[in-house]
PDB file of N, CA and C in Angstrom:
ATOM      1  N   MET A   1      -6.407   6.060   0.314  1.00  0.00           N
ATOM      2  CA  MET A   1      -5.510   6.149   1.796  1.00  0.00           C
ATOM      3  C   MET A   1      -5.014   6.792   2.189  1.00  0.00           C
ATOM      4  N   ARG A   2      -5.261   8.590   1.958  1.00  0.00           N
ATOM      5  CA  ARG A   2      -4.780   9.577   2.236  1.00  0.00           C
ATOM      6  C   ARG A   2      -6.305  10.248   3.391  1.00  0.00           C
ATOM      7  N   LYS A   3      -5.829  10.812   4.049  1.00  0.00           N
ATOM      8  CA  LYS A   3      -6.934  11.416   4.680  1.00  0.00           C
ATOM      9  C   LYS A   3      -7.892  12.327   3.868  1.00  0.00           C
ATOM     10  N   ASP A   4      -7.038  13.074   2.944  1.00  0.00           N
ATOM     11  CA  ASP A   4      -7.387  14.058   2.152  1.00  0.00           C
ATOM     12  C   ASP A   4      -8.246  13.855   1.153  1.00  0.00           C
ATOM     13  N   GLY A   5      -8.612  12.299   0.919  1.00  0.00           N
ATOM     14  CA  GLY A   5      -8.817  11.309  -0.151  1.00  0.00           C
ATOM     15  C   GLY A   5      -8.371  11.504  -1.886  1.00  0.00           C
ATOM     16  N   GLN A   6      -7.065  11.556  -1.538  1.00  0.00           N
ATOM     17  CA  GLN A   6      -6.296  11.457  -2.460  1.00  0.00           C
ATOM     18  C   GLN A   6      -6.036  10.223  -2.860  1.00  0.00           C
ATOM     19  N   ALA A   7      -5.639   9.194  -4.040  1.00  0.00           N
ATOM     20  CA  ALA A   7      -5.496   7.613  -4.212  1.00  0.00           C
ATOM     21  C   ALA A   7      -4.037   7.853  -4.260  1.00  0.00           C
ATOM     22  N   ILE A   8      -3.372   6.825  -3.778  1.00  0.00           N
ATOM     23  CA  ILE A   8      -1.663   6.496  -3.633  1.00  0.00           C
ATOM     24  C   ILE A   8      -1.790   5.460  -4.552  1.00  0.00           C
ATOM     25  N   GLU A   9      -0.915   5.522  -5.119  1.00  0.00           N
ATOM     26  CA  GLU A   9      -0.294   4.414  -6.254  1.00  0.00           C
ATOM     27  C   GLU A   9       0.533   3.427  -5.370  1.00  0.00           C
ATOM     28  N   ILE A  10      -0.246   2.171  -5.269  1.00  0.00           N
ATOM     29  CA  ILE A  10       0.814   1.036  -4.753  1.00  0.00           C
ATOM     30  C   ILE A  10       1.836   0.525  -5.424  1.00  0.00           C
ATOM     31  N   LEU A  11       3.012   0.476  -5.542  1.00  0.00           N
ATOM     32  CA  LEU A  11       3.768   0.435  -6.780  1.00  0.00           C
ATOM     33  C   LEU A  11       4.076  -1.076  -6.590  1.00  0.00           C
ATOM     34  N   ASP A  12       4.408  -1.883  -5.119  1.00  0.00           N
ATOM     35  CA  ASP A  12       4.399  -3.057  -4.761  1.00  0.00           C
ATOM     36  C   ASP A  12       4.012  -3.758  -3.487  1.00  0.00           C
ATOM     37  N   LEU A  13       3.769  -4.963  -3.556  1.00  0.00           N
ATOM     38  CA  LEU A  13       3.468  -5.392  -2.256  1.00  0.00           C
ATOM     39  C   LEU A  13       4.430  -6.166  -1.893  1.00  0.00           C
ATOM     40  N   ILE A  14       5.346  -5.982  -0.795  1.00  0.00           N
ATOM     41  CA  ILE A  14       6.481  -6.682  -0.079  1.00  0.00           C
ATOM     42  C   ILE A  14       6.213  -7.477   0.950  1.00  0.00           C
ATOM     43  N   GLN A  15       6.220  -8.894   0.616  1.00  0.00           N
ATOM     44  CA  GLN A  15       6.409 -10.081   1.889  1.00  0.00           C
ATOM     45  C   GLN A  15       4.559  -9.545   2.757  1.00  0.00           C
ATOM     46  N   VAL A  16       3.599  -9.384   1.844  1.00  0.00           N
ATOM     47  CA  VAL A  16       2.198  -9.342   2.484  1.00  0.00           C
ATOM     48  C   VAL A  16       1.521 -10.626   2.619  1.00  0.00           C
ATOM     49  N   LYS A  17       1.821 -11.206   3.813  1.00  0.00           N
ATOM     50  CA  LYS A  17       1.219 -12.518   4.237  1.00  0.00           C
ATOM     51  C   LYS A  17       0.692 -12.697   5.750  1.00  0.00           C
ATOM     52  N   VAL A  18      -0.904 -13.493   5.769  1.00  0.00           N
ATOM     53  CA  VAL A  18      -1.354 -13.253   6.749  1.00  0.00           C
ATOM     54  C   VAL A  18      -0.620 -13.716   8.226  1.00  0.00           C
ATOM     55  N   GLY A  19      -0.746 -13.086   9.009  1.00  0.00           N
ATOM     56  CA  GLY A  19      -0.341 -13.478  10.411  1.00  0.00           C
ATOM     57  C   GLY A  19       1.364 -12.762  10.452  1.00  0.00           C
ATOM     58  N   TYR A  20       1.651 -11.767   9.646  1.00  0.00           N
ATOM     59  CA  TYR A  20       3.033 -11.016   9.485  1.00  0.00           C
ATOM     60  C   TYR A  20       2.706  -9.708   9.078  1.00  0.00           C
ATOM     61  N   GLY A  21       3.670  -8.630   9.542  1.00  0.00           N
ATOM     62  CA  GLY A  21       3.142  -7.061   8.836  1.00  0.00           C
ATOM     63  C   GLY A  21       3.645  -7.139   7.862  1.00  0.00           C
ATOM     64  N   GLY A  22       2.962  -6.333   6.932  1.00  0.00           N
ATOM     65  CA  GLY A  22       3.622  -6.090   5.522  1.00  0.00           C
ATOM     66  C   GLY A  22       4.203  -4.926   5.207  1.00  0.00           C
ATOM     67  N   ARG A  23       4.644  -4.725   3.658  1.00  0.00           N
ATOM     68  CA  ARG A  23       5.695  -3.370   3.493  1.00  0.00           C
ATOM     69  C   ARG A  23       4.638  -3.176   2.305  1.00  0.00           C
ATOM     70  N   LEU A  24       4.524  -1.561   2.220  1.00  0.00           N
ATOM     71  CA  LEU A  24       3.957  -1.396   1.016  1.00  0.00           C
ATOM     72  C   LEU A  24       5.032  -0.449   0.224  1.00  0.00           C
ATOM     73  N   LEU A  25       5.208  -0.426  -0.660  1.00  0.00           N
ATOM     74  CA  LEU A  25       6.124   0.504  -2.185  1.00  0.00           C
ATOM     75  C   LEU A  25       5.208   1.770  -2.279  1.00  0.00           C
ATOM     76  N   LEU A  26       5.231   2.594  -1.926  1.00  0.00           N
ATOM     77  CA  LEU A  26       4.180   3.767  -2.982  1.00  0.00           C
ATOM     78  C   LEU A  26       4.909   4.598  -3.407  1.00  0.00           C
ATOM     79  N   ALA A  27       4.120   5.204  -4.329  1.00  0.00           N
ATOM     80  CA  ALA A  27       4.654   6.271  -5.669  1.00  0.00           C
ATOM     81  C   ALA A  27       4.558   7.447  -5.096  1.00  0.00           C
ATOM     82  N   PRO A  28       5.344   8.451  -4.974  1.00  0.00           N
ATOM     83  CA  PRO A  28       5.344   9.525  -4.693  1.00  0.00           C
ATOM     84  C   PRO A  28       4.172  10.550  -5.106  1.00  0.00           C
ATOM     85  N   LEU A  29       3.805  11.378  -4.160  1.00  0.00           N
ATOM     86  CA  LEU A  29       2.558  12.047  -4.772  1.00  0.00           C
ATOM     87  C   LEU A  29       3.064  13.312  -5.701  1.00  0.00           C
ATOM     88  N   GLY A  30       4.113  13.797  -5.782  1.00  0.00           N
ATOM     89  CA  GLY A  30       4.668  14.763  -6.802  1.00  0.00           C
ATOM     90  C   GLY A  30       6.097  14.224  -6.888  1.00  0.00           C
ATOM     91  N   GLU A  31       7.059  15.208  -7.048  1.00  0.00           N
ATOM     92  CA  GLU A  31       8.405  15.485  -7.112  1.00  0.00           C
ATOM     93  C   GLU A  31       8.921  14.569  -5.743  1.00  0.00           C
ATOM     94  N   GLY A  32       9.793  13.471  -5.397  1.00  0.00           N
ATOM     95  CA  GLY A  32      10.518  13.044  -4.696  1.00  0.00           C
ATOM     96  C   GLY A  32      10.250  11.446  -4.748  1.00  0.00           C
ATOM     97  N   GLU A  33      10.844  10.810  -3.769  1.00  0.00           N
ATOM     98  CA  GLU A  33      11.274   9.559  -3.801  1.00  0.00           C
ATOM     99  C   GLU A  33      10.009   8.118  -3.456  1.00  0.00           C
ATOM    100  N   ASN A  34      10.111   6.882  -4.214  1.00  0.00           N
ATOM    101  CA  ASN A  34       9.101   6.545  -3.573  1.00  0.00           C
ATOM    102  C   ASN A  34       9.177   6.456  -1.750  1.00  0.00           C
ATOM    103  N   THR A  35       7.894   5.926  -0.855  1.00  0.00           N
ATOM    104  CA  THR A  35       7.657   5.934   0.102  1.00  0.00           C
ATOM    105  C   THR A  35       7.872   4.250   0.391  1.00  0.00           C
ATOM    106  N   LEU A  36       8.319   3.554   1.575  1.00  0.00           N
ATOM    107  CA  LEU A  36       8.152   2.201   2.018  1.00  0.00           C
ATOM    108  C   LEU A  36       7.359   2.499   3.148  1.00  0.00           C
ATOM    109  N   ARG A  37       6.096   1.674   3.529  1.00  0.00           N
ATOM    110  CA  ARG A  37       5.609   1.936   4.576  1.00  0.00           C
ATOM    111  C   ARG A  37       5.354   0.762   5.391  1.00  0.00           C
ATOM    112  N   LEU A  38       5.167   0.461   6.621  1.00  0.00           N
ATOM    113  CA  LEU A  38       5.282  -0.908   7.094  1.00  0.00           C
ATOM    114  C   LEU A  38       3.418  -1.120   7.949  1.00  0.00           C
ATOM    115  N   THR A  39       3.271  -1.862   7.948  1.00  0.00           N
ATOM    116  CA  THR A  39       2.029  -2.364   8.271  1.00  0.00           C
ATOM    117  C   THR A  39       1.766  -3.179   9.431  1.00  0.00           C
ATOM    118  N   THR A  40       0.996  -2.977  10.249  1.00  0.00           N
ATOM    119  CA  THR A  40       0.748  -3.908  11.395  1.00  0.00           C
ATOM    120  C   THR A  40       0.158  -5.544  10.939  1.00  0.00           C
ATOM    121  N   GLU A  41      -0.200  -6.005  11.795  1.00  0.00           N
ATOM    122  CA  GLU A  41      -0.014  -7.676  11.227  1.00  0.00           C
ATOM    123  C   GLU A  41      -1.104  -7.769  10.608  1.00  0.00           C
ATOM    124  N   VAL A  42      -0.585  -8.551   9.518  1.00  0.00           N
ATOM    125  CA  VAL A  42      -1.963  -8.689   7.918  1.00  0.00           C
ATOM    126  C   VAL A  42      -2.841  -9.835   8.281  1.00  0.00           C
ATOM    127  N   VAL A  43      -4.633  -9.432   8.613  1.00  0.00           N
ATOM    128  CA  VAL A  43      -5.200 -10.259   9.226  1.00  0.00           C
ATOM    129  C   VAL A  43      -6.070 -11.152   8.057  1.00  0.00           C
ATOM    130  N   ALA A  44      -6.245 -10.196   6.902  1.00  0.00           N
ATOM    131  CA  ALA A  44      -6.800 -10.533   5.729  1.00  0.00           C
ATOM    132  C   ALA A  44      -6.401 -10.478   4.419  1.00  0.00           C
ATOM    133  N   ILE A  45      -6.343 -11.069   3.402  1.00  0.00           N
ATOM    134  CA  ILE A  45      -6.102 -10.453   1.822  1.00  0.00           C
ATOM    135  C   ILE A  45      -7.085 -10.493   1.095  1.00  0.00           C
ATOM    136  N   MET A  46      -7.912  -9.097   0.566  1.00  0.00           N
ATOM    137  CA  MET A  46      -8.696  -9.248  -0.684  1.00  0.00           C
ATOM    138  C   MET A  46      -8.753  -8.617  -1.797  1.00  0.00           C
ATOM    139  N   ARG A  47      -9.368  -9.474  -2.726  1.00  0.00           N
ATOM    140  CA  ARG A  47      -8.942  -8.545  -4.014  1.00  0.00           C
ATOM    141  C   ARG A  47     -10.286  -7.258  -3.853  1.00  0.00           C
ATOM    142  N   ALA A  48      -9.738  -6.374  -4.402  1.00  0.00           N
ATOM    143  CA  ALA A  48     -10.247  -5.067  -4.881  1.00  0.00           C
ATOM    144  C   ALA A  48     -10.902  -4.452  -6.162  1.00  0.00           C
ATOM    145  N   ASP A  49     -11.925  -4.704  -6.676  1.00  0.00           N
ATOM    146  CA  ASP A  49     -12.152  -4.191  -7.949  1.00  0.00           C
ATOM    147  C   ASP A  49     -12.382  -2.829  -7.950  1.00  0.00           C
ATOM    148  N   LEU A  50     -11.794  -1.895  -8.770  1.00  0.00           N
ATOM    149  CA  LEU A  50     -11.495  -0.552  -8.635  1.00  0.00           C
ATOM    150  C   LEU A  50     -12.277  -0.231  -9.831  1.00  0.00           C
ATOM    151  N   GLY A  51     -12.767  -0.798 -10.589  1.00  0.00           N
ATOM    152  CA  GLY A  51     -13.664  -0.630 -12.438  1.00  0.00           C
ATOM    153  C   GLY A  51     -12.600   0.012 -13.013  1.00  0.00           C
ATOM    154  N   ASN A  52     -11.218  -0.431 -13.124  1.00  0.00           N
ATOM    155  CA  ASN A  52     -10.362   0.221 -14.139  1.00  0.00           C
ATOM    156  C   ASN A  52     -10.259  -0.752 -15.282  1.00  0.00           C
TER     157      ASN A  52
END
């Protein structure tokens, strides 16, 4: 998710629904607090297989 290629853990997807803006609760990269990010209108929701 970051420009430097570092992964960010998504702690929660809040009110993510097609046709509406979404909210993502992200874990901090180090010391600090969780971050809430708002998205533009969601156009599709797909499952990602990350091989875990």
